[in-house]
Amino acid sequence: MNNDLKIIEERLNKQFKRQANTLYWLDIANNIYAQKFNFFLSSQFNKLPQRSIPLHSIDHYQLDYLEKIIKKLKQDTQLTFKYYGFVNLVWPSSQRIIQRQRHGEE
């Protein structure tokens, strides 16, 4: 876990520019075909098109592993997390639904 978390944090710090009038969030995609979790840093400057930068892919395809990484990332950052491909899946520890319905772009 430490290696994946370290890579994500390093790339996140490198790409996060902290520009005024810019929204930043993390996209986490569940790639069911490749059995991976993909992390992206998304940003949108004032009324310009959205931009998405790939950060890392996690090959360890288990929700409890992903949950530990996300908990640690939430402690270290104040970014919003958006989930894709997790419809009706639940977190192993709390049994809360991760994503209730699909996003418009899914």
PDB file of N, CA and C in Angstrom:
ATOM      1  N   MET A   1       0.824  -1.196   0.000  1.00  0.00           N
ATOM      2  CA  MET A   1       0.000   0.000   0.000  1.00  0.00           C
ATOM      3  C   MET A   1       0.864   1.254   0.000  1.00  0.00           C
ATOM      4  N   ASN A   2       1.954   1.214   0.736  1.00  0.00           N
ATOM      5  CA  ASN A   2       2.790   2.404   0.857  1.00  0.00           C
ATOM      6  C   ASN A   2       3.371   2.842  -0.473  1.00  0.00           C
ATOM      7  N   ASN A   3       3.724   1.881  -1.329  1.00  0.00           N
ATOM      8  CA  ASN A   3       4.302   2.227  -2.616  1.00  0.00           C
ATOM      9  C   ASN A   3       3.287   2.924  -3.515  1.00  0.00           C
ATOM     10  N   ASP A   4       2.066   2.375  -3.620  1.00  0.00           N
ATOM     11  CA  ASP A   4       1.025   2.997  -4.437  1.00  0.00           C
ATOM     12  C   ASP A   4       0.657   4.372  -3.895  1.00  0.00           C
ATOM     13  N   LEU A   5       0.504   4.463  -2.598  1.00  0.00           N
ATOM     14  CA  LEU A   5       0.155   5.734  -1.965  1.00  0.00           C
ATOM     15  C   LEU A   5       1.250   6.782  -2.186  1.00  0.00           C
ATOM     16  N   LYS A   6       2.486   6.366  -2.064  1.00  0.00           N
ATOM     17  CA  LYS A   6       3.622   7.271  -2.258  1.00  0.00           C
ATOM     18  C   LYS A   6       3.658   7.807  -3.686  1.00  0.00           C
ATOM     19  N   ILE A   7       3.425   6.929  -4.660  1.00  0.00           N
ATOM     20  CA  ILE A   7       3.434   7.340  -6.071  1.00  0.00           C
ATOM     21  C   ILE A   7       2.307   8.342  -6.334  1.00  0.00           C
ATOM     22  N   ILE A   8       1.109   8.050  -5.827  1.00  0.00           N
ATOM     23  CA  ILE A   8      -0.031   8.950  -6.039  1.00  0.00           C
ATOM     24  C   ILE A   8       0.238  10.308  -5.409  1.00  0.00           C
ATOM     25  N   GLU A   9       0.729  10.322  -4.175  1.00  0.00           N
ATOM     26  CA  GLU A   9       0.992  11.588  -3.490  1.00  0.00           C
ATOM     27  C   GLU A   9       2.084  12.398  -4.179  1.00  0.00           C
ATOM     28  N   GLU A  10       3.142  11.740  -4.638  1.00  0.00           N
ATOM     29  CA  GLU A  10       4.221  12.447  -5.330  1.00  0.00           C
ATOM     30  C   GLU A  10       3.714  13.091  -6.623  1.00  0.00           C
ATOM     31  N   ARG A  11       2.972  12.325  -7.408  1.00  0.00           N
ATOM     32  CA  ARG A  11       2.463  12.856  -8.671  1.00  0.00           C
ATOM     33  C   ARG A  11       1.401  13.915  -8.446  1.00  0.00           C
ATOM     34  N   LEU A  12       0.604  13.761  -7.398  1.00  0.00           N
ATOM     35  CA  LEU A  12      -0.412  14.754  -7.064  1.00  0.00           C
ATOM     36  C   LEU A  12       0.244  16.076  -6.677  1.00  0.00           C
ATOM     37  N   ASN A  13       1.254  16.023  -5.842  1.00  0.00           N
ATOM     38  CA  ASN A  13       1.965  17.248  -5.434  1.00  0.00           C
ATOM     39  C   ASN A  13       2.675  17.911  -6.611  1.00  0.00           C
ATOM     40  N   LYS A  14       3.162  17.100  -7.526  1.00  0.00           N
ATOM     41  CA  LYS A  14       3.855  17.634  -8.697  1.00  0.00           C
ATOM     42  C   LYS A  14       2.889  18.341  -9.654  1.00  0.00           C
ATOM     43  N   GLN A  15       1.680  17.801  -9.835  1.00  0.00           N
ATOM     44  CA  GLN A  15       0.721  18.333 -10.803  1.00  0.00           C
ATOM     45  C   GLN A  15      -0.224  19.394 -10.231  1.00  0.00           C
ATOM     46  N   PHE A  16      -0.366  19.450  -8.922  1.00  0.00           N
ATOM     47  CA  PHE A  16      -1.305  20.369  -8.293  1.00  0.00           C
ATOM     48  C   PHE A  16      -0.701  21.774  -8.270  1.00  0.00           C
ATOM     49  N   LYS A  17      -1.256  22.695  -9.074  1.00  0.00           N
ATOM     50  CA  LYS A  17      -0.652  24.017  -9.278  1.00  0.00           C
ATOM     51  C   LYS A  17      -1.158  25.109  -8.328  1.00  0.00           C
ATOM     52  N   ARG A  18      -2.327  24.913  -7.714  1.00  0.00           N
ATOM     53  CA  ARG A  18      -2.934  25.896  -6.805  1.00  0.00           C
ATOM     54  C   ARG A  18      -3.150  27.256  -7.483  1.00  0.00           C
ATOM     55  N   GLN A  19      -3.807  27.228  -8.636  1.00  0.00           N
ATOM     56  CA  GLN A  19      -4.107  28.459  -9.362  1.00  0.00           C
ATOM     57  C   GLN A  19      -5.450  29.018  -8.899  1.00  0.00           C
ATOM     58  N   ALA A  20      -5.563  30.332  -8.926  1.00  0.00           N
ATOM     59  CA  ALA A  20      -6.817  30.991  -8.548  1.00  0.00           C
ATOM     60  C   ALA A  20      -7.904  30.679  -9.575  1.00  0.00           C
ATOM     61  N   ASN A  21      -9.155  30.670  -9.139  1.00  0.00           N
ATOM     62  CA  ASN A  21     -10.328  30.431  -9.992  1.00  0.00           C
ATOM     63  C   ASN A  21     -10.274  29.075 -10.703  1.00  0.00           C
ATOM     64  N   THR A  22      -9.675  28.086 -10.059  1.00  0.00           N
ATOM     65  CA  THR A  22      -9.564  26.751 -10.637  1.00  0.00           C
ATOM     66  C   THR A  22     -10.110  25.724  -9.653  1.00  0.00           C
ATOM     67  N   LEU A  23     -10.946  24.832 -10.163  1.00  0.00           N
ATOM     68  CA  LEU A  23     -11.463  23.729  -9.363  1.00  0.00           C
ATOM     69  C   LEU A  23     -10.575  22.512  -9.552  1.00  0.00           C
ATOM     70  N   TYR A  24     -10.284  21.806  -8.465  1.00  0.00           N
ATOM     71  CA  TYR A  24      -9.483  20.582  -8.511  1.00  0.00           C
ATOM     72  C   TYR A  24     -10.248  19.460  -7.818  1.00  0.00           C
ATOM     73  N   TRP A  25     -10.145  18.241  -8.349  1.00  0.00           N
ATOM     74  CA  TRP A  25     -10.724  17.075  -7.695  1.00  0.00           C
ATOM     75  C   TRP A  25     -10.017  15.823  -8.188  1.00  0.00           C
ATOM     76  N   LEU A  26     -10.173  14.736  -7.438  1.00  0.00           N
ATOM     77  CA  LEU A  26      -9.599  13.445  -7.824  1.00  0.00           C
ATOM     78  C   LEU A  26     -10.689  12.553  -8.373  1.00  0.00           C
ATOM     79  N   ASP A  27     -10.450  11.977  -9.549  1.00  0.00           N
ATOM     80  CA  ASP A  27     -11.341  10.991 -10.142  1.00  0.00           C
ATOM     81  C   ASP A  27     -10.744   9.612  -9.900  1.00  0.00           C
ATOM     82  N   ILE A  28     -11.576   8.696  -9.426  1.00  0.00           N
ATOM     83  CA  ILE A  28     -11.147   7.325  -9.222  1.00  0.00           C
ATOM     84  C   ILE A  28     -12.042   6.445 -10.077  1.00  0.00           C
ATOM     85  N   ALA A  29     -11.447   5.734 -11.020  1.00  0.00           N
ATOM     86  CA  ALA A  29     -12.201   4.920 -11.961  1.00  0.00           C
ATOM     87  C   ALA A  29     -11.959   3.440 -11.693  1.00  0.00           C
ATOM     88  N   ASN A  30     -13.034   2.683 -11.713  1.00  0.00           N
ATOM     89  CA  ASN A  30     -12.978   1.243 -11.553  1.00  0.00           C
ATOM     90  C   ASN A  30     -12.939   0.620 -12.946  1.00  0.00           C
ATOM     91  N   ASN A  31     -11.785   0.137 -13.354  1.00  0.00           N
ATOM     92  CA  ASN A  31     -11.638  -0.496 -14.661  1.00  0.00           C
ATOM     93  C   ASN A  31     -11.872  -1.990 -14.488  1.00  0.00           C
ATOM     94  N   ILE A  32     -13.111  -2.431 -14.744  1.00  0.00           N
ATOM     95  CA  ILE A  32     -13.470  -3.827 -14.500  1.00  0.00           C
ATOM     96  C   ILE A  32     -12.844  -4.777 -15.514  1.00  0.00           C
ATOM     97  N   TYR A  33     -12.470  -4.273 -16.674  1.00  0.00           N
ATOM     98  CA  TYR A  33     -11.906  -5.133 -17.714  1.00  0.00           C
ATOM     99  C   TYR A  33     -10.437  -5.440 -17.459  1.00  0.00           C
ATOM    100  N   ALA A  34      -9.682  -4.441 -17.030  1.00  0.00           N
ATOM    101  CA  ALA A  34      -8.267  -4.643 -16.732  1.00  0.00           C
ATOM    102  C   ALA A  34      -8.037  -4.989 -15.267  1.00  0.00           C
ATOM    103  N   GLN A  35      -9.109  -4.983 -14.452  1.00  0.00           N
ATOM    104  CA  GLN A  35      -9.009  -5.273 -13.017  1.00  0.00           C
ATOM    105  C   GLN A  35      -8.028  -4.314 -12.327  1.00  0.00           C
ATOM    106  N   LYS A  36      -8.275  -2.998 -12.511  1.00  0.00           N
ATOM    107  CA  LYS A  36      -7.420  -1.965 -11.928  1.00  0.00           C
ATOM    108  C   LYS A  36      -8.273  -0.815 -11.424  1.00  0.00           C
ATOM    109  N   PHE A  37      -7.701  -0.036 -10.515  1.00  0.00           N
ATOM    110  CA  PHE A  37      -8.280   1.237 -10.088  1.00  0.00           C
ATOM    111  C   PHE A  37      -7.375   2.341 -10.622  1.00  0.00           C
ATOM    112  N   ASN A  38      -7.949   3.301 -11.343  1.00  0.00           N
ATOM    113  CA  ASN A  38      -7.179   4.388 -11.944  1.00  0.00           C
ATOM    114  C   ASN A  38      -7.460   5.703 -11.221  1.00  0.00           C
ATOM    115  N   PHE A  39      -6.410   6.459 -10.954  1.00  0.00           N
ATOM    116  CA  PHE A  39      -6.511   7.752 -10.291  1.00  0.00           C
ATOM    117  C   PHE A  39      -6.156   8.866 -11.272  1.00  0.00           C
ATOM    118  N   PHE A  40      -6.974   9.923 -11.286  1.00  0.00           N
ATOM    119  CA  PHE A  40      -6.750  11.081 -12.149  1.00  0.00           C
ATOM    120  C   PHE A  40      -6.905  12.355 -11.334  1.00  0.00           C
ATOM    121  N   LEU A  41      -6.087  13.352 -11.634  1.00  0.00           N
ATOM    122  CA  LEU A  41      -6.266  14.690 -11.081  1.00  0.00           C
ATOM    123  C   LEU A  41      -6.983  15.505 -12.140  1.00  0.00           C
ATOM    124  N   SER A  42      -8.180  15.962 -11.814  1.00  0.00           N
ATOM    125  CA  SER A  42      -8.957  16.760 -12.759  1.00  0.00           C
ATOM    126  C   SER A  42      -8.984  18.205 -12.288  1.00  0.00           C
ATOM    127  N   SER A  43      -9.004  19.108 -13.259  1.00  0.00           N
ATOM    128  CA  SER A  43      -9.061  20.529 -12.940  1.00  0.00           C
ATOM    129  C   SER A  43      -9.865  21.245 -14.012  1.00  0.00           C
ATOM    130  N   GLN A  44     -10.417  22.371 -13.614  1.00  0.00           N
ATOM    131  CA  GLN A  44     -11.173  23.192 -14.563  1.00  0.00           C
ATOM    132  C   GLN A  44     -10.975  24.648 -14.187  1.00  0.00           C
ATOM    133  N   PHE A  45     -10.322  25.374 -15.075  1.00  0.00           N
ATOM    134  CA  PHE A  45     -10.144  26.801 -14.891  1.00  0.00           C
ATOM    135  C   PHE A  45     -11.436  27.503 -15.284  1.00  0.00           C
ATOM    136  N   ASN A  46     -11.673  28.631 -14.736  1.00  0.00           N
ATOM    137  CA  ASN A  46     -12.894  29.423 -14.892  1.00  0.00           C
ATOM    138  C   ASN A  46     -13.545  29.302 -16.280  1.00  0.00           C
ATOM    139  N   LYS A  47     -14.552  28.442 -16.394  1.00  0.00           N
ATOM    140  CA  LYS A  47     -15.387  28.245 -17.586  1.00  0.00           C
ATOM    141  C   LYS A  47     -14.640  27.693 -18.799  1.00  0.00           C
ATOM    142  N   LEU A  48     -13.480  27.104 -18.599  1.00  0.00           N
ATOM    143  CA  LEU A  48     -12.753  26.438 -19.678  1.00  0.00           C
ATOM    144  C   LEU A  48     -13.022  24.938 -19.593  1.00  0.00           C
ATOM    145  N   PRO A  49     -12.705  24.184 -20.641  1.00  0.00           N
ATOM    146  CA  PRO A  49     -12.941  22.736 -20.589  1.00  0.00           C
ATOM    147  C   PRO A  49     -12.148  22.056 -19.466  1.00  0.00           C
ATOM    148  N   GLN A  50     -12.717  20.989 -18.983  1.00  0.00           N
ATOM    149  CA  GLN A  50     -12.094  20.199 -17.922  1.00  0.00           C
ATOM    150  C   GLN A  50     -10.838  19.515 -18.420  1.00  0.00           C
ATOM    151  N   ARG A  51      -9.856  19.393 -17.543  1.00  0.00           N
ATOM    152  CA  ARG A  51      -8.596  18.747 -17.882  1.00  0.00           C
ATOM    153  C   ARG A  51      -8.343  17.625 -16.885  1.00  0.00           C
ATOM    154  N   SER A  52      -7.882  16.480 -17.359  1.00  0.00           N
ATOM    155  CA  SER A  52      -7.664  15.331 -16.494  1.00  0.00           C
ATOM    156  C   SER A  52      -6.268  14.755 -16.729  1.00  0.00           C
ATOM    157  N   ILE A  53      -5.515  14.583 -15.644  1.00  0.00           N
ATOM    158  CA  ILE A  53      -4.142  14.089 -15.723  1.00  0.00           C
ATOM    159  C   ILE A  53      -4.064  12.748 -15.002  1.00  0.00           C
ATOM    160  N   PRO A  54      -3.652  11.671 -15.680  1.00  0.00           N
ATOM    161  CA  PRO A  54      -3.531  10.374 -14.993  1.00  0.00           C
ATOM    162  C   PRO A  54      -2.420  10.408 -13.949  1.00  0.00           C
ATOM    163  N   LEU A  55      -2.728   9.889 -12.771  1.00  0.00           N
ATOM    164  CA  LEU A  55      -1.742   9.854 -11.692  1.00  0.00           C
ATOM    165  C   LEU A  55      -1.136   8.459 -11.514  1.00  0.00           C
ATOM    166  N   HIS A  56      -2.010   7.446 -11.431  1.00  0.00           N
ATOM    167  CA  HIS A  56      -1.504   6.099 -11.147  1.00  0.00           C
ATOM    168  C   HIS A  56      -2.611   5.074 -11.351  1.00  0.00           C
ATOM    169  N   SER A  57      -2.228   3.838 -11.626  1.00  0.00           N
ATOM    170  CA  SER A  57      -3.154   2.705 -11.684  1.00  0.00           C
ATOM    171  C   SER A  57      -2.749   1.706 -10.620  1.00  0.00           C
ATOM    172  N   ILE A  58      -3.723   1.256  -9.846  1.00  0.00           N
ATOM    173  CA  ILE A  58      -3.464   0.277  -8.795  1.00  0.00           C
ATOM    174  C   ILE A  58      -3.856  -1.089  -9.318  1.00  0.00           C
ATOM    175  N   ASP A  59      -2.896  -2.012  -9.322  1.00  0.00           N
ATOM    176  CA  ASP A  59      -3.125  -3.361  -9.834  1.00  0.00           C
ATOM    177  C   ASP A  59      -3.775  -4.275  -8.797  1.00  0.00           C
ATOM    178  N   HIS A  60      -3.640  -3.914  -7.524  1.00  0.00           N
ATOM    179  CA  HIS A  60      -4.217  -4.716  -6.440  1.00  0.00           C
ATOM    180  C   HIS A  60      -5.717  -4.442  -6.408  1.00  0.00           C
ATOM    181  N   TYR A  61      -6.493  -5.278  -7.045  1.00  0.00           N
ATOM    182  CA  TYR A  61      -7.913  -5.025  -7.318  1.00  0.00           C
ATOM    183  C   TYR A  61      -8.803  -5.547  -6.195  1.00  0.00           C
ATOM    184  N   GLN A  62      -8.727  -4.883  -5.036  1.00  0.00           N
ATOM    185  CA  GLN A  62      -9.572  -5.219  -3.897  1.00  0.00           C
ATOM    186  C   GLN A  62     -10.063  -3.931  -3.256  1.00  0.00           C
ATOM    187  N   LEU A  63     -11.353  -3.902  -2.922  1.00  0.00           N
ATOM    188  CA  LEU A  63     -11.945  -2.685  -2.378  1.00  0.00           C
ATOM    189  C   LEU A  63     -11.389  -2.310  -1.011  1.00  0.00           C
ATOM    190  N   ASP A  64     -11.034  -3.285  -0.184  1.00  0.00           N
ATOM    191  CA  ASP A  64     -10.483  -2.938   1.123  1.00  0.00           C
ATOM    192  C   ASP A  64      -9.119  -2.255   0.989  1.00  0.00           C
ATOM    193  N   TYR A  65      -8.343  -2.677   0.006  1.00  0.00           N
ATOM    194  CA  TYR A  65      -7.056  -2.032  -0.268  1.00  0.00           C
ATOM    195  C   TYR A  65      -7.273  -0.596  -0.763  1.00  0.00           C
ATOM    196  N   LEU A  66      -8.215  -0.425  -1.678  1.00  0.00           N
ATOM    197  CA  LEU A  66      -8.535   0.906  -2.194  1.00  0.00           C
ATOM    198  C   LEU A  66      -9.049   1.811  -1.085  1.00  0.00           C
ATOM    199  N   GLU A  67      -9.861   1.253  -0.207  1.00  0.00           N
ATOM    200  CA  GLU A  67     -10.420   2.035   0.893  1.00  0.00           C
ATOM    201  C   GLU A  67      -9.329   2.577   1.808  1.00  0.00           C
ATOM    202  N   LYS A  68      -8.317   1.788   2.095  1.00  0.00           N
ATOM    203  CA  LYS A  68      -7.199   2.235   2.933  1.00  0.00           C
ATOM    204  C   LYS A  68      -6.438   3.376   2.264  1.00  0.00           C
ATOM    205  N   ILE A  69      -6.222   3.263   0.967  1.00  0.00           N
ATOM    206  CA  ILE A  69      -5.504   4.315   0.242  1.00  0.00           C
ATOM    207  C   ILE A  69      -6.312   5.607   0.220  1.00  0.00           C
ATOM    208  N   ILE A  70      -7.609   5.508  -0.016  1.00  0.00           N
ATOM    209  CA  ILE A  70      -8.461   6.693  -0.073  1.00  0.00           C
ATOM    210  C   ILE A  70      -8.560   7.359   1.294  1.00  0.00           C
ATOM    211  N   LYS A  71      -8.648   6.577   2.365  1.00  0.00           N
ATOM    212  CA  LYS A  71      -8.688   7.159   3.710  1.00  0.00           C
ATOM    213  C   LYS A  71      -7.427   7.974   3.982  1.00  0.00           C
ATOM    214  N   LYS A  72      -6.292   7.427   3.591  1.00  0.00           N
ATOM    215  CA  LYS A  72      -5.022   8.132   3.801  1.00  0.00           C
ATOM    216  C   LYS A  72      -4.953   9.388   2.935  1.00  0.00           C
ATOM    217  N   LEU A  73      -5.408   9.307   1.686  1.00  0.00           N
ATOM    218  CA  LEU A  73      -5.403  10.481   0.807  1.00  0.00           C
ATOM    219  C   LEU A  73      -6.329  11.573   1.345  1.00  0.00           C
ATOM    220  N   LYS A  74      -7.471  11.180   1.903  1.00  0.00           N
ATOM    221  CA  LYS A  74      -8.402  12.161   2.455  1.00  0.00           C
ATOM    222  C   LYS A  74      -7.812  12.865   3.673  1.00  0.00           C
ATOM    223  N   GLN A  75      -6.965  12.169   4.417  1.00  0.00           N
ATOM    224  CA  GLN A  75      -6.297  12.789   5.559  1.00  0.00           C
ATOM    225  C   GLN A  75      -5.269  13.820   5.100  1.00  0.00           C
ATOM    226  N   ASP A  76      -4.605  13.526   3.987  1.00  0.00           N
ATOM    227  CA  ASP A  76      -3.504  14.368   3.521  1.00  0.00           C
ATOM    228  C   ASP A  76      -3.942  15.506   2.607  1.00  0.00           C
ATOM    229  N   THR A  77      -5.096  15.379   1.949  1.00  0.00           N
ATOM    230  CA  THR A  77      -5.549  16.411   1.019  1.00  0.00           C
ATOM    231  C   THR A  77      -6.964  16.849   1.370  1.00  0.00           C
ATOM    232  N   GLN A  78      -7.371  17.969   0.817  1.00  0.00           N
ATOM    233  CA  GLN A  78      -8.734  18.458   1.007  1.00  0.00           C
ATOM    234  C   GLN A  78      -9.489  18.455  -0.323  1.00  0.00           C
ATOM    235  N   LEU A  79      -9.072  17.588  -1.230  1.00  0.00           N
ATOM    236  CA  LEU A  79      -9.707  17.508  -2.537  1.00  0.00           C
ATOM    237  C   LEU A  79     -10.999  16.698  -2.468  1.00  0.00           C
ATOM    238  N   THR A  80     -11.884  16.945  -3.414  1.00  0.00           N
ATOM    239  CA  THR A  80     -13.102  16.167  -3.568  1.00  0.00           C
ATOM    240  C   THR A  80     -12.773  14.904  -4.349  1.00  0.00           C
ATOM    241  N   PHE A  81     -13.440  13.800  -4.015  1.00  0.00           N
ATOM    242  CA  PHE A  81     -13.237  12.529  -4.699  1.00  0.00           C
ATOM    243  C   PHE A  81     -14.490  12.204  -5.498  1.00  0.00           C
ATOM    244  N   LYS A  82     -14.317  11.870  -6.783  1.00  0.00           N
ATOM    245  CA  LYS A  82     -15.417  11.478  -7.648  1.00  0.00           C
ATOM    246  C   LYS A  82     -15.157  10.057  -8.117  1.00  0.00           C
ATOM    247  N   TYR A  83     -16.158   9.201  -7.989  1.00  0.00           N
ATOM    248  CA  TYR A  83     -15.999   7.788  -8.314  1.00  0.00           C
ATOM    249  C   TYR A  83     -16.728   7.446  -9.602  1.00  0.00           C
ATOM    250  N   TYR A  84     -16.090   6.626 -10.440  1.00  0.00           N
ATOM    251  CA  TYR A  84     -16.667   6.176 -11.706  1.00  0.00           C
ATOM    252  C   TYR A  84     -16.576   4.650 -11.765  1.00  0.00           C
ATOM    253  N   GLY A  85     -17.685   3.994 -12.113  1.00  0.00           N
ATOM    254  CA  GLY A  85     -17.690   2.549 -12.249  1.00  0.00           C
ATOM    255  C   GLY A  85     -17.893   1.802 -10.949  1.00  0.00           C
ATOM    256  N   PHE A  86     -18.327   2.484  -9.903  1.00  0.00           N
ATOM    257  CA  PHE A  86     -18.539   1.860  -8.603  1.00  0.00           C
ATOM    258  C   PHE A  86     -20.021   1.785  -8.239  1.00  0.00           C
ATOM    259  N   VAL A  87     -20.903   1.804  -9.226  1.00  0.00           N
ATOM    260  CA  VAL A  87     -22.342   1.848  -8.976  1.00  0.00           C
ATOM    261  C   VAL A  87     -22.772   0.623  -8.162  1.00  0.00           C
ATOM    262  N   ASN A  88     -23.439   0.903  -7.055  1.00  0.00           N
ATOM    263  CA  ASN A  88     -23.995  -0.105  -6.138  1.00  0.00           C
ATOM    264  C   ASN A  88     -22.955  -0.978  -5.441  1.00  0.00           C
ATOM    265  N   LEU A  89     -21.685  -0.639  -5.503  1.00  0.00           N
ATOM    266  CA  LEU A  89     -20.672  -1.336  -4.707  1.00  0.00           C
ATOM    267  C   LEU A  89     -20.600  -0.667  -3.335  1.00  0.00           C
ATOM    268  N   VAL A  90     -20.211  -1.428  -2.313  1.00  0.00           N
ATOM    269  CA  VAL A  90     -20.145  -0.882  -0.958  1.00  0.00           C
ATOM    270  C   VAL A  90     -18.726  -0.981  -0.414  1.00  0.00           C
ATOM    271  N   TRP A  91     -18.375  -0.048   0.484  1.00  0.00           N
ATOM    272  CA  TRP A  91     -17.092  -0.101   1.162  1.00  0.00           C
ATOM    273  C   TRP A  91     -17.103  -1.287   2.120  1.00  0.00           C
ATOM    274  N   PRO A  92     -16.031  -2.060   2.176  1.00  0.00           N
ATOM    275  CA  PRO A  92     -16.012  -3.251   3.042  1.00  0.00           C
ATOM    276  C   PRO A  92     -16.148  -2.940   4.536  1.00  0.00           C
ATOM    277  N   SER A  93     -15.560  -1.875   5.012  1.00  0.00           N
ATOM    278  CA  SER A  93     -15.572  -1.621   6.458  1.00  0.00           C
ATOM    279  C   SER A  93     -16.891  -1.034   6.949  1.00  0.00           C
ATOM    280  N   SER A  94     -17.497  -0.131   6.188  1.00  0.00           N
ATOM    281  CA  SER A  94     -18.701   0.555   6.663  1.00  0.00           C
ATOM    282  C   SER A  94     -19.987   0.107   5.981  1.00  0.00           C
ATOM    283  N   GLN A  95     -19.870  -0.660   4.916  1.00  0.00           N
ATOM    284  CA  GLN A  95     -21.025  -1.121   4.130  1.00  0.00           C
ATOM    285  C   GLN A  95     -21.834   0.037   3.533  1.00  0.00           C
ATOM    286  N   ARG A  96     -21.198   1.182   3.305  1.00  0.00           N
ATOM    287  CA  ARG A  96     -21.846   2.325   2.661  1.00  0.00           C
ATOM    288  C   ARG A  96     -21.651   2.218   1.156  1.00  0.00           C
ATOM    289  N   ILE A  97     -22.671   2.622   0.406  1.00  0.00           N
ATOM    290  CA  ILE A  97     -22.591   2.587  -1.052  1.00  0.00           C
ATOM    291  C   ILE A  97     -21.577   3.624  -1.531  1.00  0.00           C
ATOM    292  N   ILE A  98     -20.702   3.221  -2.442  1.00  0.00           N
ATOM    293  CA  ILE A  98     -19.664   4.108  -2.956  1.00  0.00           C
ATOM    294  C   ILE A  98     -20.253   5.096  -3.954  1.00  0.00           C
ATOM    295  N   GLN A  99     -21.025   4.603  -4.906  1.00  0.00           N
ATOM    296  CA  GLN A  99     -21.608   5.444  -5.956  1.00  0.00           C
ATOM    297  C   GLN A  99     -23.037   4.974  -6.195  1.00  0.00           C
ATOM    298  N   ARG A 100     -24.000   5.858  -5.980  1.00  0.00           N
ATOM    299  CA  ARG A 100     -25.414   5.477  -6.090  1.00  0.00           C
ATOM    300  C   ARG A 100     -25.887   5.350  -7.533  1.00  0.00           C
ATOM    301  N   GLN A 101     -25.507   6.287  -8.379  1.00  0.00           N
ATOM    302  CA  GLN A 101     -25.943   6.251  -9.774  1.00  0.00           C
ATOM    303  C   GLN A 101     -24.827   6.728 -10.680  1.00  0.00           C
ATOM    304  N   ARG A 102     -24.949   6.409 -11.944  1.00  0.00           N
ATOM    305  CA  ARG A 102     -23.912   6.790 -12.918  1.00  0.00           C
ATOM    306  C   ARG A 102     -23.898   8.299 -13.136  1.00  0.00           C
ATOM    307  N   HIS A 103     -22.704   8.810 -13.433  1.00  0.00           N
ATOM    308  CA  HIS A 103     -22.561  10.209 -13.820  1.00  0.00           C
ATOM    309  C   HIS A 103     -22.990  10.351 -15.269  1.00  0.00           C
ATOM    310  N   GLY A 104     -23.278  11.551 -15.675  1.00  0.00           N
ATOM    311  CA  GLY A 104     -23.707  11.791 -17.058  1.00  0.00           C
ATOM    312  C   GLY A 104     -22.671  11.396 -18.091  1.00  0.00           C
ATOM    313  N   GLU A 105     -21.399  11.522 -17.769  1.00  0.00           N
ATOM    314  CA  GLU A 105     -20.332  11.221 -18.725  1.00  0.00           C
ATOM    315  C   GLU A 105     -19.901   9.753 -18.684  1.00  0.00           C
ATOM    316  N   GLU A 106     -20.517   8.929 -17.859  1.00  0.00           N
ATOM    317  CA  GLU A 106     -20.156   7.512 -17.767  1.00  0.00           C
ATOM    318  C   GLU A 106     -20.794   6.705 -18.856  1.00  0.00           C
TER     319      GLU A 106
END
